[in-house]
Amino acid sequence: MNNEIPRFEREKKTLQAMIRIYCRDLHHSGKILCDGCQELQDYALARLDKCTFGSDKPKCADCPIHCYKPAMRDRIRMVMRHSGPKMIIKHPMLALGHVIDGVLHQPPNPVRKPS
């Protein structure tokens, strides 16, 4: 069994949990996401599924390739700023997994041409 599959599933769960926290807190949506947050979640999950790095994927914030449209990137940043600190209390295992992934899966260093 590929041990990277659980990592991708955990990343998806983390992303969904963060969007749920954000939507519930700011849009008072309860258990169902509002249309805007559902659109963002669908977009973000699709981007994750199509990541060009595959199993070597770094955290999106550390990625050298920005595959989100600028407007969606701004929206997901707002979600993460709001939800990130709350993840430690509400979903500690997902938060810990996210931190560990950031340490273990660093983006590749860009190769500089000699001057």
Protein backbone atom coordinates (compact mmCIF):
# COMPACT_ATOMS: atom_id res chain seq x y z
CA MET A 1 0.00 0.00 0.00
CA ASN A 2 1.29 3.48 -0.88
CA ASN A 3 1.85 5.37 2.37
CA GLU A 4 1.31 8.70 0.59
CA ILE A 5 -2.40 8.05 -0.03
CA PRO A 6 -3.31 8.56 3.65
CA ARG A 7 -1.33 11.83 3.56
CA PHE A 8 -3.41 13.14 0.66
CA GLU A 9 -6.61 12.05 2.38
CA ARG A 10 -5.48 13.81 5.57
CA GLU A 11 -4.70 16.96 3.58
CA LYS A 12 -8.20 16.86 2.10
CA LYS A 13 -9.74 16.36 5.55
CA THR A 14 -7.65 19.23 6.93
CA LEU A 15 -8.73 21.52 4.11
CA GLN A 16 -12.39 20.58 4.56
CA ALA A 17 -12.19 21.07 8.34
CA MET A 18 -10.66 24.52 7.93
CA ILE A 19 -13.32 25.62 5.46
CA ARG A 20 -16.08 24.27 7.75
CA ILE A 21 -14.71 26.24 10.71
CA TYR A 22 -14.45 29.40 8.63
CA CYS A 23 -17.93 29.07 7.13
CA ARG A 24 -19.58 28.21 10.44
CA ASP A 25 -17.88 31.11 12.27
CA LEU A 26 -18.29 33.81 9.65
CA HIS A 27 -21.30 32.75 7.61
CA HIS A 28 -23.26 31.04 10.42
CA SER A 29 -23.89 28.12 8.10
CA GLY A 30 -24.21 25.29 10.61
CA LYS A 31 -23.33 21.86 9.20
CA ILE A 32 -23.80 22.73 5.52
CA LEU A 33 -21.36 25.05 3.75
CA CYS A 34 -22.67 28.22 2.15
CA ASP A 35 -22.46 28.37 -1.65
CA GLY A 36 -19.26 30.45 -1.67
CA CYS A 37 -17.43 28.17 0.74
CA GLN A 38 -18.64 25.07 -1.10
CA GLU A 39 -17.28 26.55 -4.33
CA LEU A 40 -13.92 27.24 -2.65
CA GLN A 41 -13.78 23.72 -1.21
CA ASP A 42 -14.57 22.11 -4.57
CA TYR A 43 -11.91 24.26 -6.26
CA ALA A 44 -9.26 23.54 -3.61
CA LEU A 45 -9.89 19.78 -3.65
CA ALA A 46 -9.66 19.75 -7.45
CA ARG A 47 -6.33 21.61 -7.29
CA LEU A 48 -5.05 19.13 -4.73
CA ASP A 49 -6.06 16.19 -6.93
CA LYS A 50 -4.17 17.69 -9.89
CA CYS A 51 -0.98 18.64 -8.02
CA THR A 52 2.01 18.24 -10.33
CA PHE A 53 4.28 17.17 -7.45
CA GLY A 54 2.26 14.04 -6.70
CA SER A 55 3.55 12.25 -3.60
CA ASP A 56 6.38 14.80 -3.20
CA LYS A 57 3.87 17.60 -2.74
CA PRO A 58 4.93 20.30 -0.25
CA LYS A 59 2.42 22.34 1.75
CA CYS A 60 0.68 24.73 -0.64
CA ALA A 61 2.06 27.75 1.23
CA ASP A 62 5.60 26.47 0.58
CA CYS A 63 5.03 25.40 -3.01
CA PRO A 64 7.11 27.04 -5.77
CA ILE A 65 4.17 26.66 -8.19
CA HIS A 66 1.00 28.60 -7.40
CA CYS A 67 -1.81 26.73 -9.13
CA TYR A 68 -4.68 28.70 -7.55
CA LYS A 69 -6.24 31.62 -9.38
CA PRO A 70 -5.33 34.83 -7.52
CA ALA A 71 -8.87 35.40 -6.20
CA MET A 72 -9.15 31.83 -4.92
CA ARG A 73 -5.68 32.05 -3.40
CA ASP A 74 -6.74 35.14 -1.45
CA ARG A 75 -9.89 33.37 -0.27
CA ILE A 76 -8.07 30.27 0.93
CA ARG A 77 -5.54 32.45 2.74
CA MET A 78 -8.38 34.13 4.63
CA VAL A 79 -9.79 30.72 5.53
CA MET A 80 -6.43 29.48 6.77
CA ARG A 81 -5.69 32.63 8.76
CA HIS A 82 -9.01 32.33 10.51
CA SER A 83 -9.13 28.56 10.96
CA GLY A 84 -5.46 27.68 11.46
CA PRO A 85 -5.22 28.63 15.15
CA LYS A 86 -8.57 26.96 15.87
CA MET A 87 -7.43 23.68 14.32
CA ILE A 88 -5.13 23.03 17.29
CA ILE A 89 -8.18 22.81 19.58
CA LYS A 90 -10.86 21.46 17.23
CA HIS A 91 -8.78 19.00 15.17
CA PRO A 92 -5.42 18.49 16.92
CA MET A 93 -4.41 15.37 14.97
CA LEU A 94 -5.05 17.03 11.60
CA ALA A 95 -3.15 20.13 12.76
CA LEU A 96 -0.22 18.01 13.93
CA GLY A 97 -0.19 16.07 10.66
CA HIS A 98 -0.11 19.34 8.73
CA VAL A 99 2.88 20.59 10.74
CA ILE A 100 4.74 17.29 10.31
CA ASP A 101 4.05 17.32 6.55
CA GLY A 102 5.54 20.81 6.39
CA VAL A 103 8.76 19.55 7.95
CA LEU A 104 9.02 16.29 6.02
CA HIS A 105 7.95 17.54 2.59
CA GLN A 106 9.99 20.64 1.86
CA PRO A 107 9.72 22.13 -1.62
CA PRO A 108 12.65 21.45 -3.94
CA ASN A 109 15.35 24.10 -3.91
CA PRO A 110 15.43 26.12 -7.12
CA VAL A 111 18.54 25.51 -9.19
CA ARG A 112 20.42 28.73 -9.83
CA LYS A 113 22.54 29.14 -12.90
CA PRO A 114 26.10 30.26 -12.26
CA SER A 115 26.63 33.96 -12.96
